[in-house]
Amino acid sequence: MNKDIKGLCLFLGMIGLVYAAILVLTMLLTGVKILKSIIFISAFSSFLVSLGLTPQVKQRLVQVLKRKSEFYKMYYFK
């Protein structure tokens, strides 16, 4: 995939994730029921972010998440 398109996907995905975070704050503060919208926006934005990442970065993120999950399992779920 072209680097420009990957950058655009990454940018739009990050904007979408920030928007979803703002919606979560709005929901928590006002009690508005917009959970389905937040889930849809988060899923679509995560998809765009994953399209924008290179395979090497994806692999490193998976490794870091696995290490962190092992750490939490070892210390917090004895």
PDB file of N, CA and C in Angstrom:
ATOM      1  N   MET A   1       0.849  -1.177   0.000  1.00  0.00           N
ATOM      2  CA  MET A   1       0.000   0.000   0.000  1.00  0.00           C
ATOM      3  C   MET A   1       0.897   1.243   0.000  1.00  0.00           C
ATOM      4  N   ASN A   2       0.454   2.273  -0.637  1.00  0.00           N
ATOM      5  CA  ASN A   2       1.195   3.526  -0.750  1.00  0.00           C
ATOM      6  C   ASN A   2       1.393   4.163   0.632  1.00  0.00           C
ATOM      7  N   LYS A   3       2.562   4.772   0.835  1.00  0.00           N
ATOM      8  CA  LYS A   3       2.858   5.390   2.132  1.00  0.00           C
ATOM      9  C   LYS A   3       1.904   6.537   2.454  1.00  0.00           C
ATOM     10  N   ASP A   4       1.508   7.266   1.425  1.00  0.00           N
ATOM     11  CA  ASP A   4       0.575   8.378   1.655  1.00  0.00           C
ATOM     12  C   ASP A   4      -0.781   7.870   2.131  1.00  0.00           C
ATOM     13  N   ILE A   5      -1.247   6.787   1.542  1.00  0.00           N
ATOM     14  CA  ILE A   5      -2.538   6.228   1.947  1.00  0.00           C
ATOM     15  C   ILE A   5      -2.441   5.653   3.355  1.00  0.00           C
ATOM     16  N   LYS A   6      -1.314   4.997   3.660  1.00  0.00           N
ATOM     17  CA  LYS A   6      -1.125   4.477   5.017  1.00  0.00           C
ATOM     18  C   LYS A   6      -1.127   5.608   6.035  1.00  0.00           C
ATOM     19  N   GLY A   7      -0.450   6.686   5.709  1.00  0.00           N
ATOM     20  CA  GLY A   7      -0.433   7.843   6.606  1.00  0.00           C
ATOM     21  C   GLY A   7      -1.807   8.443   6.793  1.00  0.00           C
ATOM     22  N   LEU A   8      -2.582   8.512   5.718  1.00  0.00           N
ATOM     23  CA  LEU A   8      -3.935   9.040   5.798  1.00  0.00           C
ATOM     24  C   LEU A   8      -4.819   8.142   6.662  1.00  0.00           C
ATOM     25  N   CYS A   9      -4.694   6.822   6.485  1.00  0.00           N
ATOM     26  CA  CYS A   9      -5.480   5.884   7.307  1.00  0.00           C
ATOM     27  C   CYS A   9      -5.110   6.022   8.777  1.00  0.00           C
ATOM     28  N   LEU A  10      -3.821   6.131   9.050  1.00  0.00           N
ATOM     29  CA  LEU A  10      -3.371   6.273  10.430  1.00  0.00           C
ATOM     30  C   LEU A  10      -3.892   7.566  11.044  1.00  0.00           C
ATOM     31  N   PHE A  11      -3.818   8.651  10.291  1.00  0.00           N
ATOM     32  CA  PHE A  11      -4.289   9.948  10.771  1.00  0.00           C
ATOM     33  C   PHE A  11      -5.792   9.929  11.043  1.00  0.00           C
ATOM     34  N   LEU A  12      -6.568   9.438  10.086  1.00  0.00           N
ATOM     35  CA  LEU A  12      -8.021   9.398  10.265  1.00  0.00           C
ATOM     36  C   LEU A  12      -8.418   8.457  11.396  1.00  0.00           C
ATOM     37  N   GLY A  13      -7.704   7.345  11.527  1.00  0.00           N
ATOM     38  CA  GLY A  13      -7.992   6.423  12.619  1.00  0.00           C
ATOM     39  C   GLY A  13      -7.731   7.041  13.974  1.00  0.00           C
ATOM     40  N   MET A  14      -6.640   7.776  14.099  1.00  0.00           N
ATOM     41  CA  MET A  14      -6.327   8.421  15.377  1.00  0.00           C
ATOM     42  C   MET A  14      -7.338   9.515  15.701  1.00  0.00           C
ATOM     43  N   ILE A  15      -7.758  10.262  14.689  1.00  0.00           N
ATOM     44  CA  ILE A  15      -8.793  11.278  14.917  1.00  0.00           C
ATOM     45  C   ILE A  15     -10.088  10.602  15.387  1.00  0.00           C
ATOM     46  N   GLY A  16     -10.431   9.482  14.782  1.00  0.00           N
ATOM     47  CA  GLY A  16     -11.628   8.753  15.179  1.00  0.00           C
ATOM     48  C   GLY A  16     -11.552   8.233  16.602  1.00  0.00           C
ATOM     49  N   LEU A  17     -10.371   7.740  17.004  1.00  0.00           N
ATOM     50  CA  LEU A  17     -10.209   7.251  18.373  1.00  0.00           C
ATOM     51  C   LEU A  17     -10.304   8.381  19.391  1.00  0.00           C
ATOM     52  N   VAL A  18      -9.762   9.536  19.049  1.00  0.00           N
ATOM     53  CA  VAL A  18      -9.877  10.700  19.939  1.00  0.00           C
ATOM     54  C   VAL A  18     -11.344  11.132  20.034  1.00  0.00           C
ATOM     55  N   TYR A  19     -12.037  11.114  18.917  1.00  0.00           N
ATOM     56  CA  TYR A  19     -13.462  11.465  18.912  1.00  0.00           C
ATOM     57  C   TYR A  19     -14.261  10.483  19.773  1.00  0.00           C
ATOM     58  N   ALA A  20     -13.929   9.200  19.681  1.00  0.00           N
ATOM     59  CA  ALA A  20     -14.621   8.196  20.502  1.00  0.00           C
ATOM     60  C   ALA A  20     -14.339   8.434  21.989  1.00  0.00           C
ATOM     61  N   ALA A  21     -13.104   8.826  22.318  1.00  0.00           N
ATOM     62  CA  ALA A  21     -12.780   9.120  23.715  1.00  0.00           C
ATOM     63  C   ALA A  21     -13.572  10.328  24.217  1.00  0.00           C
ATOM     64  N   ILE A  22     -13.729  11.335  23.376  1.00  0.00           N
ATOM     65  CA  ILE A  22     -14.534  12.506  23.751  1.00  0.00           C
ATOM     66  C   ILE A  22     -15.994  12.101  23.944  1.00  0.00           C
ATOM     67  N   LEU A  23     -16.487  11.211  23.090  1.00  0.00           N
ATOM     68  CA  LEU A  23     -17.859  10.734  23.242  1.00  0.00           C
ATOM     69  C   LEU A  23     -18.035   9.947  24.541  1.00  0.00           C
ATOM     70  N   VAL A  24     -17.038   9.165  24.926  1.00  0.00           N
ATOM     71  CA  VAL A  24     -17.105   8.424  26.188  1.00  0.00           C
ATOM     72  C   VAL A  24     -17.184   9.396  27.354  1.00  0.00           C
ATOM     73  N   LEU A  25     -16.359  10.442  27.326  1.00  0.00           N
ATOM     74  CA  LEU A  25     -16.420  11.448  28.389  1.00  0.00           C
ATOM     75  C   LEU A  25     -17.783  12.133  28.425  1.00  0.00           C
ATOM     76  N   THR A  26     -18.307  12.453  27.260  1.00  0.00           N
ATOM     77  CA  THR A  26     -19.629  13.073  27.189  1.00  0.00           C
ATOM     78  C   THR A  26     -20.688  12.142  27.760  1.00  0.00           C
ATOM     79  N   MET A  27     -20.579  10.858  27.416  1.00  0.00           N
ATOM     80  CA  MET A  27     -21.546   9.894  27.916  1.00  0.00           C
ATOM     81  C   MET A  27     -21.464   9.772  29.436  1.00  0.00           C
ATOM     82  N   LEU A  28     -20.251   9.755  29.969  1.00  0.00           N
ATOM     83  CA  LEU A  28     -20.089   9.618  31.413  1.00  0.00           C
ATOM     84  C   LEU A  28     -20.589  10.851  32.166  1.00  0.00           C
ATOM     85  N   LEU A  29     -20.370  12.021  31.607  1.00  0.00           N
ATOM     86  CA  LEU A  29     -20.741  13.245  32.295  1.00  0.00           C
ATOM     87  C   LEU A  29     -22.225  13.592  32.158  1.00  0.00           C
ATOM     88  N   THR A  30     -22.827  13.248  31.019  1.00  0.00           N
ATOM     89  CA  THR A  30     -24.210  13.659  30.793  1.00  0.00           C
ATOM     90  C   THR A  30     -25.206  12.516  30.885  1.00  0.00           C
ATOM     91  N   GLY A  31     -24.758  11.290  30.777  1.00  0.00           N
ATOM     92  CA  GLY A  31     -25.667  10.159  30.835  1.00  0.00           C
ATOM     93  C   GLY A  31     -26.364   9.865  29.523  1.00  0.00           C
ATOM     94  N   VAL A  32     -25.909  10.462  28.435  1.00  0.00           N
ATOM     95  CA  VAL A  32     -26.500  10.219  27.124  1.00  0.00           C
ATOM     96  C   VAL A  32     -26.167   8.785  26.688  1.00  0.00           C
ATOM     97  N   LYS A  33     -27.133   8.099  26.122  1.00  0.00           N
ATOM     98  CA  LYS A  33     -26.924   6.705  25.728  1.00  0.00           C
ATOM     99  C   LYS A  33     -26.473   6.638  24.266  1.00  0.00           C
ATOM    100  N   ILE A  34     -25.174   6.681  24.053  1.00  0.00           N
ATOM    101  CA  ILE A  34     -24.604   6.634  22.706  1.00  0.00           C
ATOM    102  C   ILE A  34     -23.564   5.526  22.592  1.00  0.00           C
ATOM    103  N   LEU A  35     -23.767   4.448  23.326  1.00  0.00           N
ATOM    104  CA  LEU A  35     -22.778   3.378  23.384  1.00  0.00           C
ATOM    105  C   LEU A  35     -22.591   2.692  22.034  1.00  0.00           C
ATOM    106  N   LYS A  36     -23.652   2.455  21.284  1.00  0.00           N
ATOM    107  CA  LYS A  36     -23.530   1.797  19.978  1.00  0.00           C
ATOM    108  C   LYS A  36     -22.697   2.643  19.022  1.00  0.00           C
ATOM    109  N   SER A  37     -22.898   3.935  19.053  1.00  0.00           N
ATOM    110  CA  SER A  37     -22.117   4.825  18.194  1.00  0.00           C
ATOM    111  C   SER A  37     -20.651   4.795  18.570  1.00  0.00           C
ATOM    112  N   ILE A  38     -20.370   4.789  19.860  1.00  0.00           N
ATOM    113  CA  ILE A  38     -18.989   4.765  20.322  1.00  0.00           C
ATOM    114  C   ILE A  38     -18.310   3.465  19.902  1.00  0.00           C
ATOM    115  N   ILE A  39     -19.016   2.352  20.031  1.00  0.00           N
ATOM    116  CA  ILE A  39     -18.439   1.059  19.643  1.00  0.00           C
ATOM    117  C   ILE A  39     -18.161   1.033  18.141  1.00  0.00           C
ATOM    118  N   PHE A  40     -19.093   1.516  17.331  1.00  0.00           N
ATOM    119  CA  PHE A  40     -18.891   1.535  15.883  1.00  0.00           C
ATOM    120  C   PHE A  40     -17.715   2.426  15.488  1.00  0.00           C
ATOM    121  N   ILE A  41     -17.657   3.626  16.044  1.00  0.00           N
ATOM    122  CA  ILE A  41     -16.574   4.559  15.713  1.00  0.00           C
ATOM    123  C   ILE A  41     -15.231   3.997  16.167  1.00  0.00           C
ATOM    124  N   SER A  42     -15.179   3.396  17.344  1.00  0.00           N
ATOM    125  CA  SER A  42     -13.928   2.816  17.841  1.00  0.00           C
ATOM    126  C   SER A  42     -13.461   1.657  16.962  1.00  0.00           C
ATOM    127  N   ALA A  43     -14.388   0.798  16.569  1.00  0.00           N
ATOM    128  CA  ALA A  43     -14.023  -0.347  15.729  1.00  0.00           C
ATOM    129  C   ALA A  43     -13.524   0.107  14.360  1.00  0.00           C
ATOM    130  N   PHE A  44     -14.232   1.035  13.751  1.00  0.00           N
ATOM    131  CA  PHE A  44     -13.823   1.525  12.436  1.00  0.00           C
ATOM    132  C   PHE A  44     -12.488   2.259  12.511  1.00  0.00           C
ATOM    133  N   SER A  45     -12.290   3.062  13.553  1.00  0.00           N
ATOM    134  CA  SER A  45     -11.037   3.798  13.704  1.00  0.00           C
ATOM    135  C   SER A  45      -9.872   2.847  13.977  1.00  0.00           C
ATOM    136  N   SER A  46     -10.116   1.815  14.765  1.00  0.00           N
ATOM    137  CA  SER A  46      -9.068   0.826  15.021  1.00  0.00           C
ATOM    138  C   SER A  46      -8.688   0.104  13.734  1.00  0.00           C
ATOM    139  N   PHE A  47      -9.672  -0.177  12.904  1.00  0.00           N
ATOM    140  CA  PHE A  47      -9.395  -0.786  11.601  1.00  0.00           C
ATOM    141  C   PHE A  47      -8.527   0.129  10.747  1.00  0.00           C
ATOM    142  N   LEU A  48      -8.852   1.413  10.721  1.00  0.00           N
ATOM    143  CA  LEU A  48      -8.046   2.359   9.944  1.00  0.00           C
ATOM    144  C   LEU A  48      -6.619   2.460  10.482  1.00  0.00           C
ATOM    145  N   VAL A  49      -6.482   2.459  11.798  1.00  0.00           N
ATOM    146  CA  VAL A  49      -5.142   2.523  12.389  1.00  0.00           C
ATOM    147  C   VAL A  49      -4.353   1.276  12.009  1.00  0.00           C
ATOM    148  N   SER A  50      -4.995   0.113  12.057  1.00  0.00           N
ATOM    149  CA  SER A  50      -4.282  -1.111  11.712  1.00  0.00           C
ATOM    150  C   SER A  50      -3.889  -1.131  10.239  1.00  0.00           C
ATOM    151  N   LEU A  51      -4.682  -0.515   9.374  1.00  0.00           N
ATOM    152  CA  LEU A  51      -4.292  -0.408   7.967  1.00  0.00           C
ATOM    153  C   LEU A  51      -3.073   0.493   7.794  1.00  0.00           C
ATOM    154  N   GLY A  52      -2.966   1.509   8.625  1.00  0.00           N
ATOM    155  CA  GLY A  52      -1.881   2.470   8.484  1.00  0.00           C
ATOM    156  C   GLY A  52      -0.557   2.015   9.063  1.00  0.00           C
ATOM    157  N   LEU A  53      -0.570   0.980   9.894  1.00  0.00           N
ATOM    158  CA  LEU A  53       0.670   0.526  10.521  1.00  0.00           C
ATOM    159  C   LEU A  53       1.406  -0.457   9.617  1.00  0.00           C
ATOM    160  N   THR A  54       2.730  -0.432   9.701  1.00  0.00           N
ATOM    161  CA  THR A  54       3.529  -1.393   8.954  1.00  0.00           C
ATOM    162  C   THR A  54       3.543  -2.726   9.698  1.00  0.00           C
ATOM    163  N   PRO A  55       3.826  -3.814   9.022  1.00  0.00           N
ATOM    164  CA  PRO A  55       3.849  -5.125   9.687  1.00  0.00           C
ATOM    165  C   PRO A  55       4.840  -5.201  10.848  1.00  0.00           C
ATOM    166  N   GLN A  56       5.985  -4.503  10.733  1.00  0.00           N
ATOM    167  CA  GLN A  56       6.967  -4.520  11.816  1.00  0.00           C
ATOM    168  C   GLN A  56       6.414  -3.865  13.071  1.00  0.00           C
ATOM    169  N   VAL A  57       5.709  -2.760  12.909  1.00  0.00           N
ATOM    170  CA  VAL A  57       5.133  -2.053  14.052  1.00  0.00           C
ATOM    171  C   VAL A  57       4.028  -2.893  14.682  1.00  0.00           C
ATOM    172  N   LYS A  58       3.214  -3.526  13.855  1.00  0.00           N
ATOM    173  CA  LYS A  58       2.165  -4.403  14.381  1.00  0.00           C
ATOM    174  C   LYS A  58       2.769  -5.523  15.216  1.00  0.00           C
ATOM    175  N   GLN A  59       3.854  -6.114  14.715  1.00  0.00           N
ATOM    176  CA  GLN A  59       4.504  -7.208  15.432  1.00  0.00           C
ATOM    177  C   GLN A  59       5.061  -6.729  16.771  1.00  0.00           C
ATOM    178  N   ARG A  60       5.681  -5.551  16.791  1.00  0.00           N
ATOM    179  CA  ARG A  60       6.205  -5.013  18.046  1.00  0.00           C
ATOM    180  C   ARG A  60       5.087  -4.716  19.037  1.00  0.00           C
ATOM    181  N   LEU A  61       3.976  -4.170  18.564  1.00  0.00           N
ATOM    182  CA  LEU A  61       2.845  -3.896  19.455  1.00  0.00           C
ATOM    183  C   LEU A  61       2.291  -5.180  20.071  1.00  0.00           C
ATOM    184  N   VAL A  62       2.198  -6.230  19.272  1.00  0.00           N
ATOM    185  CA  VAL A  62       1.703  -7.510  19.787  1.00  0.00           C
ATOM    186  C   VAL A  62       2.665  -8.053  20.844  1.00  0.00           C
ATOM    187  N   GLN A  63       3.966  -7.943  20.603  1.00  0.00           N
ATOM    188  CA  GLN A  63       4.954  -8.419  21.577  1.00  0.00           C
ATOM    189  C   GLN A  63       4.846  -7.640  22.883  1.00  0.00           C
ATOM    190  N   VAL A  64       4.715  -6.331  22.803  1.00  0.00           N
ATOM    191  CA  VAL A  64       4.609  -5.510  24.013  1.00  0.00           C
ATOM    192  C   VAL A  64       3.336  -5.856  24.783  1.00  0.00           C
ATOM    193  N   LEU A  65       2.229  -6.021  24.078  1.00  0.00           N
ATOM    194  CA  LEU A  65       0.975  -6.369  24.748  1.00  0.00           C
ATOM    195  C   LEU A  65       1.048  -7.740  25.410  1.00  0.00           C
ATOM    196  N   LYS A  66       1.717  -8.687  24.775  1.00  0.00           N
ATOM    197  CA  LYS A  66       1.874 -10.011  25.383  1.00  0.00           C
ATOM    198  C   LYS A  66       2.712  -9.931  26.653  1.00  0.00           C
ATOM    199  N   ARG A  67       3.806  -9.151  26.607  1.00  0.00           N
ATOM    200  CA  ARG A  67       4.649  -9.000  27.801  1.00  0.00           C
ATOM    201  C   ARG A  67       3.876  -8.339  28.936  1.00  0.00           C
ATOM    202  N   LYS A  68       3.122  -7.311  28.602  1.00  0.00           N
ATOM    203  CA  LYS A  68       2.351  -6.612  29.637  1.00  0.00           C
ATOM    204  C   LYS A  68       1.282  -7.514  30.233  1.00  0.00           C
ATOM    205  N   SER A  69       0.623  -8.300  29.393  1.00  0.00           N
ATOM    206  CA  SER A  69      -0.412  -9.188  29.918  1.00  0.00           C
ATOM    207  C   SER A  69       0.201 -10.260  30.812  1.00  0.00           C
ATOM    208  N   GLU A  70       1.382 -10.766  30.459  1.00  0.00           N
ATOM    209  CA  GLU A  70       2.055 -11.735  31.319  1.00  0.00           C
ATOM    210  C   GLU A  70       2.438 -11.100  32.650  1.00  0.00           C
ATOM    211  N   PHE A  71       2.881  -9.854  32.618  1.00  0.00           N
ATOM    212  CA  PHE A  71       3.248  -9.142  33.836  1.00  0.00           C
ATOM    213  C   PHE A  71       2.045  -9.007  34.760  1.00  0.00           C
ATOM    214  N   TYR A  72       0.899  -8.585  34.189  1.00  0.00           N
ATOM    215  CA  TYR A  72      -0.294  -8.403  35.011  1.00  0.00           C
ATOM    216  C   TYR A  72      -0.817  -9.724  35.552  1.00  0.00           C
ATOM    217  N   LYS A  73      -0.756 -10.764  34.741  1.00  0.00           N
ATOM    218  CA  LYS A  73      -1.197 -12.081  35.204  1.00  0.00           C
ATOM    219  C   LYS A  73      -0.313 -12.562  36.351  1.00  0.00           C
ATOM    220  N   MET A  74       0.977 -12.318  36.243  1.00  0.00           N
ATOM    221  CA  MET A  74       1.914 -12.812  37.235  1.00  0.00           C
ATOM    222  C   MET A  74       1.753 -12.079  38.565  1.00  0.00           C
ATOM    223  N   TYR A  75       1.538 -10.773  38.556  1.00  0.00           N
ATOM    224  CA  TYR A  75       1.516  -9.992  39.794  1.00  0.00           C
ATOM    225  C   TYR A  75       0.128  -9.726  40.345  1.00  0.00           C
ATOM    226  N   TYR A  76      -0.889  -9.662  39.496  1.00  0.00           N
ATOM    227  CA  TYR A  76      -2.201  -9.264  39.990  1.00  0.00           C
ATOM    228  C   TYR A  76      -3.204 -10.407  40.073  1.00  0.00           C
ATOM    229  N   PHE A  77      -2.945 -11.507  39.384  1.00  0.00           N
ATOM    230  CA  PHE A  77      -3.885 -12.624  39.400  1.00  0.00           C
ATOM    231  C   PHE A  77      -3.223 -13.891  39.917  1.00  0.00           C
ATOM    232  N   LYS A  78      -2.710 -13.811  41.130  1.00  0.00           N
ATOM    233  CA  LYS A  78      -2.049 -14.963  41.746  1.00  0.00           C
ATOM    234  C   LYS A  78      -3.068 -15.925  42.279  1.00  0.00           C
TER     235      LYS A  78
END
